[in-house]
N, C-alpha and C. Protein backbone atom coordinates (compact mmCIF):
# COMPACT_ATOMS: atom_id res chain seq x y z
N VAL A 1 0.86 -1.20 -0.01
CA VAL A 1 -0.01 0.00 0.00
C VAL A 1 0.88 1.23 0.00
N GLN A 2 0.62 2.11 -0.92
CA GLN A 2 1.37 3.38 -0.95
C GLN A 2 0.37 4.48 -1.31
N LEU A 3 0.16 5.37 -0.34
CA LEU A 3 -0.80 6.44 -0.58
C LEU A 3 -0.15 7.74 -0.73
N GLN A 4 -0.77 8.63 -1.47
CA GLN A 4 -0.23 9.96 -1.73
C GLN A 4 -1.34 10.98 -1.49
N ALA A 5 -1.05 11.96 -0.59
CA ALA A 5 -1.97 12.98 -0.30
C ALA A 5 -1.63 14.22 -1.17
N SER A 6 -2.67 14.96 -1.53
CA SER A 6 -2.47 16.20 -2.34
C SER A 6 -3.66 17.11 -2.13
N GLY A 7 -3.52 18.35 -2.60
CA GLY A 7 -4.60 19.30 -2.57
C GLY A 7 -4.49 20.38 -1.50
N GLY A 8 -3.43 20.37 -0.75
CA GLY A 8 -3.24 21.39 0.28
C GLY A 8 -2.88 22.72 -0.33
N GLY A 9 -2.77 23.73 0.59
CA GLY A 9 -2.44 25.07 0.09
C GLY A 9 -2.51 26.07 1.20
N LEU A 10 -2.29 27.32 0.86
CA LEU A 10 -2.41 28.45 1.75
C LEU A 10 -3.73 29.14 1.52
N VAL A 11 -4.59 29.17 2.54
CA VAL A 11 -5.89 29.79 2.41
C VAL A 11 -6.18 30.68 3.60
N GLN A 12 -7.25 31.43 3.48
CA GLN A 12 -7.65 32.30 4.60
C GLN A 12 -8.72 31.60 5.42
N ALA A 13 -8.86 32.07 6.62
CA ALA A 13 -9.89 31.53 7.50
C ALA A 13 -11.25 31.67 6.81
N GLY A 14 -12.06 30.58 6.88
CA GLY A 14 -13.35 30.59 6.25
C GLY A 14 -13.37 29.99 4.87
N ASP A 15 -12.17 29.78 4.27
CA ASP A 15 -12.09 29.19 2.95
C ASP A 15 -12.27 27.67 3.03
N SER A 16 -12.30 27.03 1.85
CA SER A 16 -12.45 25.60 1.75
C SER A 16 -11.30 25.01 0.95
N LEU A 17 -11.02 23.74 1.24
CA LEU A 17 -10.03 22.97 0.44
C LEU A 17 -10.55 21.55 0.34
N ARG A 18 -10.18 20.89 -0.77
CA ARG A 18 -10.47 19.47 -0.88
C ARG A 18 -9.16 18.72 -1.07
N LEU A 19 -8.87 17.85 -0.13
CA LEU A 19 -7.67 17.00 -0.20
C LEU A 19 -8.01 15.69 -0.87
N SER A 20 -7.04 15.15 -1.56
CA SER A 20 -7.19 13.84 -2.19
C SER A 20 -6.12 12.86 -1.69
N CYS A 21 -6.50 11.61 -1.58
CA CYS A 21 -5.59 10.56 -1.12
C CYS A 21 -5.73 9.42 -2.15
N THR A 22 -4.69 9.15 -2.87
CA THR A 22 -4.75 8.18 -3.93
C THR A 22 -3.74 7.06 -3.75
N ASN A 23 -4.20 5.83 -3.99
CA ASN A 23 -3.34 4.68 -3.92
C ASN A 23 -2.72 4.40 -5.26
N SER A 24 -1.41 4.20 -5.26
CA SER A 24 -0.72 3.97 -6.53
C SER A 24 -0.53 2.51 -6.88
N GLY A 25 -0.93 1.62 -5.97
CA GLY A 25 -0.77 0.20 -6.21
C GLY A 25 -1.83 -0.35 -7.14
N ARG A 26 -1.60 -1.59 -7.60
CA ARG A 26 -2.53 -2.20 -8.53
C ARG A 26 -3.83 -2.64 -7.86
N THR A 27 -3.70 -3.10 -6.63
CA THR A 27 -4.89 -3.50 -5.87
C THR A 27 -4.97 -2.66 -4.61
N PHE A 28 -6.19 -2.48 -4.17
CA PHE A 28 -6.41 -1.68 -2.94
C PHE A 28 -7.70 -2.07 -2.30
N ASP A 29 -7.66 -2.73 -1.20
CA ASP A 29 -8.86 -3.17 -0.50
C ASP A 29 -8.63 -3.14 1.03
N PRO A 30 -8.40 -1.97 1.54
CA PRO A 30 -8.21 -1.86 3.02
C PRO A 30 -9.51 -1.93 3.77
N HIS A 31 -9.44 -2.00 5.06
CA HIS A 31 -10.63 -1.94 5.88
C HIS A 31 -11.14 -0.50 5.94
N ALA A 32 -10.22 0.45 6.02
CA ALA A 32 -10.57 1.84 6.04
C ALA A 32 -9.40 2.71 5.59
N VAL A 33 -9.70 3.93 5.24
CA VAL A 33 -8.67 4.95 4.94
C VAL A 33 -8.90 6.14 5.89
N GLY A 34 -7.85 6.62 6.45
CA GLY A 34 -7.96 7.70 7.42
C GLY A 34 -7.11 8.90 7.05
N TRP A 35 -7.56 10.04 7.50
CA TRP A 35 -6.80 11.29 7.38
C TRP A 35 -6.31 11.71 8.76
N PHE A 36 -5.08 12.14 8.81
CA PHE A 36 -4.47 12.61 10.05
C PHE A 36 -3.77 13.92 9.79
N ARG A 37 -3.66 14.72 10.87
CA ARG A 37 -3.00 16.03 10.75
C ARG A 37 -1.86 16.07 11.75
N GLN A 38 -0.78 16.65 11.31
CA GLN A 38 0.36 16.89 12.24
C GLN A 38 0.71 18.37 12.19
N ALA A 39 0.43 19.05 13.29
CA ALA A 39 0.81 20.46 13.41
C ALA A 39 2.22 20.52 13.94
N PRO A 40 2.92 21.64 13.71
CA PRO A 40 4.29 21.80 14.19
C PRO A 40 4.41 21.56 15.68
N GLY A 41 5.29 20.69 16.09
CA GLY A 41 5.52 20.41 17.50
C GLY A 41 4.46 19.57 18.16
N GLU A 42 3.51 19.05 17.44
CA GLU A 42 2.46 18.30 18.00
C GLU A 42 2.42 16.84 17.43
N GLU A 43 1.73 15.99 18.11
CA GLU A 43 1.61 14.61 17.65
C GLU A 43 0.62 14.53 16.49
N CYS A 44 0.72 13.43 15.74
CA CYS A 44 -0.19 13.20 14.65
C CYS A 44 -1.60 12.99 15.23
N GLU A 45 -2.59 13.66 14.65
CA GLU A 45 -3.95 13.67 15.22
C GLU A 45 -4.94 13.14 14.19
N PHE A 46 -5.82 12.27 14.65
CA PHE A 46 -6.87 11.74 13.79
C PHE A 46 -7.83 12.85 13.37
N VAL A 47 -8.19 12.84 12.10
CA VAL A 47 -9.16 13.82 11.58
C VAL A 47 -10.45 13.12 11.11
N ALA A 48 -10.31 12.14 10.26
CA ALA A 48 -11.51 11.46 9.71
C ALA A 48 -11.09 10.12 9.10
N ALA A 49 -12.07 9.23 8.99
CA ALA A 49 -11.82 7.94 8.35
C ALA A 49 -13.10 7.45 7.66
N ILE A 50 -12.92 6.58 6.69
CA ILE A 50 -14.05 6.05 5.95
C ILE A 50 -13.79 4.56 5.69
N ARG A 51 -14.83 3.76 5.88
CA ARG A 51 -14.76 2.37 5.53
C ARG A 51 -14.64 2.21 4.03
N TRP A 52 -13.72 1.31 3.56
CA TRP A 52 -13.60 1.17 2.13
C TRP A 52 -14.77 0.37 1.58
N SER A 53 -15.34 -0.52 2.35
CA SER A 53 -16.55 -1.22 1.98
C SER A 53 -17.71 -0.66 2.75
N GLY A 54 -18.75 -0.18 2.09
CA GLY A 54 -19.84 0.48 2.76
C GLY A 54 -19.66 1.97 2.81
N THR A 55 -20.46 2.59 3.67
CA THR A 55 -20.50 4.07 3.70
C THR A 55 -20.18 4.70 5.09
N SER A 56 -19.77 3.90 6.00
CA SER A 56 -19.50 4.42 7.35
C SER A 56 -18.35 5.43 7.35
N THR A 57 -18.56 6.53 8.07
CA THR A 57 -17.54 7.54 8.20
C THR A 57 -17.36 7.87 9.66
N TYR A 58 -16.19 8.40 9.98
CA TYR A 58 -15.84 8.71 11.37
C TYR A 58 -15.05 10.05 11.36
N TYR A 59 -15.33 10.88 12.38
CA TYR A 59 -14.72 12.17 12.47
C TYR A 59 -14.22 12.49 13.90
N SER A 60 -13.19 13.30 13.97
CA SER A 60 -12.84 13.86 15.24
C SER A 60 -13.85 14.93 15.62
N ALA A 61 -13.87 15.30 16.86
CA ALA A 61 -14.84 16.27 17.29
C ALA A 61 -14.67 17.61 16.59
N SER A 62 -13.44 17.97 16.29
CA SER A 62 -13.18 19.26 15.65
C SER A 62 -13.53 19.22 14.17
N ALA A 63 -13.56 18.06 13.55
CA ALA A 63 -13.81 17.97 12.14
C ALA A 63 -15.28 17.65 11.81
N GLU A 64 -16.02 17.16 12.76
CA GLU A 64 -17.34 16.61 12.49
C GLU A 64 -18.29 17.66 11.84
N GLU A 65 -18.23 18.88 12.24
CA GLU A 65 -19.19 19.87 11.77
C GLU A 65 -18.76 20.52 10.43
N ARG A 66 -17.43 20.45 10.09
CA ARG A 66 -16.97 21.23 8.99
C ARG A 66 -16.33 20.39 7.87
N PHE A 67 -15.94 19.17 8.17
CA PHE A 67 -15.24 18.35 7.17
C PHE A 67 -16.13 17.24 6.73
N SER A 68 -15.89 16.73 5.50
CA SER A 68 -16.59 15.59 4.98
C SER A 68 -15.66 14.68 4.22
N ILE A 69 -15.67 13.40 4.57
CA ILE A 69 -14.79 12.42 3.91
C ILE A 69 -15.66 11.61 2.94
N SER A 70 -15.08 11.31 1.80
CA SER A 70 -15.78 10.52 0.80
C SER A 70 -14.77 9.72 0.00
N LYS A 71 -15.24 8.84 -0.86
CA LYS A 71 -14.31 8.01 -1.63
C LYS A 71 -14.83 7.76 -3.03
N ASP A 72 -13.90 7.40 -3.91
CA ASP A 72 -14.21 6.90 -5.23
C ASP A 72 -13.41 5.61 -5.40
N THR A 73 -14.08 4.52 -5.19
CA THR A 73 -13.37 3.23 -5.19
C THR A 73 -12.76 2.88 -6.57
N ALA A 74 -13.43 3.30 -7.60
CA ALA A 74 -12.92 3.03 -8.95
C ALA A 74 -11.57 3.77 -9.15
N LYS A 75 -11.43 4.92 -8.59
CA LYS A 75 -10.20 5.69 -8.71
C LYS A 75 -9.23 5.42 -7.55
N LYS A 76 -9.68 4.56 -6.63
CA LYS A 76 -8.84 4.25 -5.46
C LYS A 76 -8.41 5.53 -4.76
N THR A 77 -9.38 6.41 -4.58
CA THR A 77 -9.11 7.75 -4.00
C THR A 77 -10.08 8.07 -2.91
N VAL A 78 -9.59 8.70 -1.89
CA VAL A 78 -10.42 9.21 -0.76
C VAL A 78 -10.23 10.71 -0.71
N TYR A 79 -11.33 11.43 -0.51
CA TYR A 79 -11.31 12.88 -0.45
C TYR A 79 -11.63 13.37 0.96
N LEU A 80 -11.10 14.52 1.29
CA LEU A 80 -11.44 15.21 2.53
C LEU A 80 -11.82 16.62 2.15
N GLN A 81 -13.12 16.91 2.18
CA GLN A 81 -13.62 18.26 1.94
C GLN A 81 -13.60 19.03 3.23
N MET A 82 -12.86 20.11 3.25
CA MET A 82 -12.71 20.90 4.47
C MET A 82 -13.30 22.27 4.23
N ASN A 83 -14.33 22.61 5.00
CA ASN A 83 -15.00 23.90 4.86
C ASN A 83 -14.80 24.72 6.12
N SER A 84 -15.03 26.01 5.98
CA SER A 84 -14.90 26.95 7.08
C SER A 84 -13.60 26.74 7.86
N LEU A 85 -12.53 26.71 7.11
CA LEU A 85 -11.22 26.41 7.70
C LEU A 85 -10.82 27.46 8.74
N GLU A 86 -10.12 27.01 9.77
CA GLU A 86 -9.69 27.82 10.84
C GLU A 86 -8.16 27.73 10.97
N PRO A 87 -7.50 28.73 11.59
CA PRO A 87 -6.04 28.61 11.76
C PRO A 87 -5.61 27.33 12.48
N GLY A 88 -6.46 26.84 13.38
CA GLY A 88 -6.14 25.61 14.09
C GLY A 88 -6.15 24.36 13.24
N ASP A 89 -6.60 24.49 12.01
CA ASP A 89 -6.56 23.39 11.05
C ASP A 89 -5.22 23.24 10.35
N THR A 90 -4.35 24.20 10.57
CA THR A 90 -3.03 24.22 9.93
C THR A 90 -2.21 23.01 10.31
N GLY A 91 -1.54 22.44 9.33
CA GLY A 91 -0.67 21.27 9.57
C GLY A 91 -0.44 20.54 8.28
N VAL A 92 0.36 19.48 8.42
CA VAL A 92 0.55 18.59 7.30
C VAL A 92 -0.47 17.47 7.41
N TYR A 93 -1.19 17.24 6.37
CA TYR A 93 -2.24 16.21 6.32
C TYR A 93 -1.72 14.98 5.59
N TYR A 94 -1.86 13.87 6.31
CA TYR A 94 -1.44 12.55 5.76
C TYR A 94 -2.65 11.62 5.66
N CYS A 95 -2.55 10.66 4.73
CA CYS A 95 -3.56 9.64 4.72
C CYS A 95 -2.91 8.28 4.83
N GLY A 96 -3.59 7.37 5.47
CA GLY A 96 -3.09 6.02 5.65
C GLY A 96 -4.19 5.01 5.51
N ALA A 97 -3.82 3.76 5.37
CA ALA A 97 -4.80 2.67 5.19
C ALA A 97 -4.75 1.76 6.40
N GLN A 98 -5.92 1.48 6.96
CA GLN A 98 -6.03 0.46 8.01
C GLN A 98 -6.38 -0.86 7.29
N VAL A 99 -5.45 -1.79 7.29
CA VAL A 99 -5.66 -3.00 6.48
C VAL A 99 -6.34 -4.08 7.27
N HIS A 100 -6.27 -4.04 8.60
CA HIS A 100 -6.97 -5.06 9.40
C HIS A 100 -8.31 -4.51 9.86
N SER A 101 -9.15 -5.40 10.31
CA SER A 101 -10.51 -5.01 10.75
C SER A 101 -10.69 -5.28 12.22
N ILE A 102 -9.60 -5.48 12.96
CA ILE A 102 -9.72 -5.73 14.41
C ILE A 102 -10.26 -4.52 15.11
N ALA A 103 -11.32 -4.72 15.88
CA ALA A 103 -11.94 -3.65 16.70
C ALA A 103 -12.43 -2.50 15.87
N GLY A 104 -12.85 -2.75 14.63
CA GLY A 104 -13.46 -1.70 13.81
C GLY A 104 -12.49 -0.67 13.27
N VAL A 105 -13.00 0.45 12.91
CA VAL A 105 -12.16 1.55 12.37
C VAL A 105 -11.45 2.21 13.53
N ARG A 106 -10.16 2.35 13.40
CA ARG A 106 -9.31 2.88 14.47
C ARG A 106 -8.99 4.32 14.27
N THR A 107 -8.66 4.99 15.35
CA THR A 107 -8.27 6.42 15.24
C THR A 107 -6.81 6.65 15.61
N GLU A 108 -6.14 5.57 15.91
CA GLU A 108 -4.70 5.71 16.26
C GLU A 108 -3.84 5.62 14.99
N ALA A 109 -2.92 6.54 14.86
CA ALA A 109 -2.09 6.57 13.63
C ALA A 109 -1.29 5.29 13.40
N HIS A 110 -0.85 4.64 14.50
CA HIS A 110 -0.03 3.46 14.33
C HIS A 110 -0.78 2.27 13.78
N GLU A 111 -2.11 2.37 13.70
CA GLU A 111 -2.93 1.30 13.11
C GLU A 111 -2.99 1.40 11.61
N TYR A 112 -2.41 2.48 11.08
CA TYR A 112 -2.51 2.74 9.64
C TYR A 112 -1.11 2.56 9.03
N LEU A 113 -1.10 2.28 7.71
CA LEU A 113 0.17 2.19 7.02
C LEU A 113 0.01 2.74 5.59
N GLY A 114 1.09 2.73 4.88
CA GLY A 114 1.07 3.23 3.50
C GLY A 114 1.22 4.76 3.43
N TRP A 115 1.73 5.32 4.54
CA TRP A 115 1.88 6.78 4.56
C TRP A 115 2.82 7.23 3.48
N GLY A 116 2.38 8.16 2.72
CA GLY A 116 3.24 8.80 1.75
C GLY A 116 3.55 10.23 2.18
N ARG A 117 3.98 11.00 1.26
CA ARG A 117 4.27 12.39 1.58
C ARG A 117 2.93 13.11 1.83
N GLY A 118 2.86 13.85 2.91
CA GLY A 118 1.66 14.58 3.25
C GLY A 118 1.49 15.83 2.41
N THR A 119 0.41 16.54 2.68
CA THR A 119 0.16 17.80 1.97
C THR A 119 -0.06 18.91 2.99
N GLN A 120 0.61 20.00 2.79
CA GLN A 120 0.56 21.12 3.76
C GLN A 120 -0.70 21.95 3.59
N VAL A 121 -1.35 22.19 4.70
CA VAL A 121 -2.50 23.09 4.75
C VAL A 121 -2.17 24.19 5.71
N THR A 122 -2.22 25.42 5.24
CA THR A 122 -1.96 26.59 6.06
C THR A 122 -3.14 27.52 6.00
N VAL A 123 -3.72 27.82 7.16
CA VAL A 123 -4.89 28.71 7.21
C VAL A 123 -4.48 29.97 7.96
N SER A 124 -4.54 31.06 7.26
CA SER A 124 -4.20 32.33 7.87
C SER A 124 -5.45 33.05 8.42
N SER A 125 -5.23 33.80 9.49
CA SER A 125 -6.38 34.47 10.11
C SER A 125 -6.67 35.81 9.48
């Protein structure tokens, strides 16, 4: 599994961005795909996840009202639509794949793999 995040940028508070996470491998059938954010000097933080089979989605408390995760299985791509961005959303966004299904969809970064280069999101006030 090798995932690549893209779509970040420098925006103002209140703006929107859509991030994409694409798998470059020939096959891709994880249990879930998750988005995580790492702000400078902070630990990697769960943002959102989506089951690869079915429609279940999961969000952190800070993302639940403003972000939306979706997928296109034919394109092996997961999207993160981020609306009403705030300076606190600033960080490098990574996506990973949870390949096992033990205990459902997980929010811990170490349960995911296939991390590629993240995409920088900077929100100015």
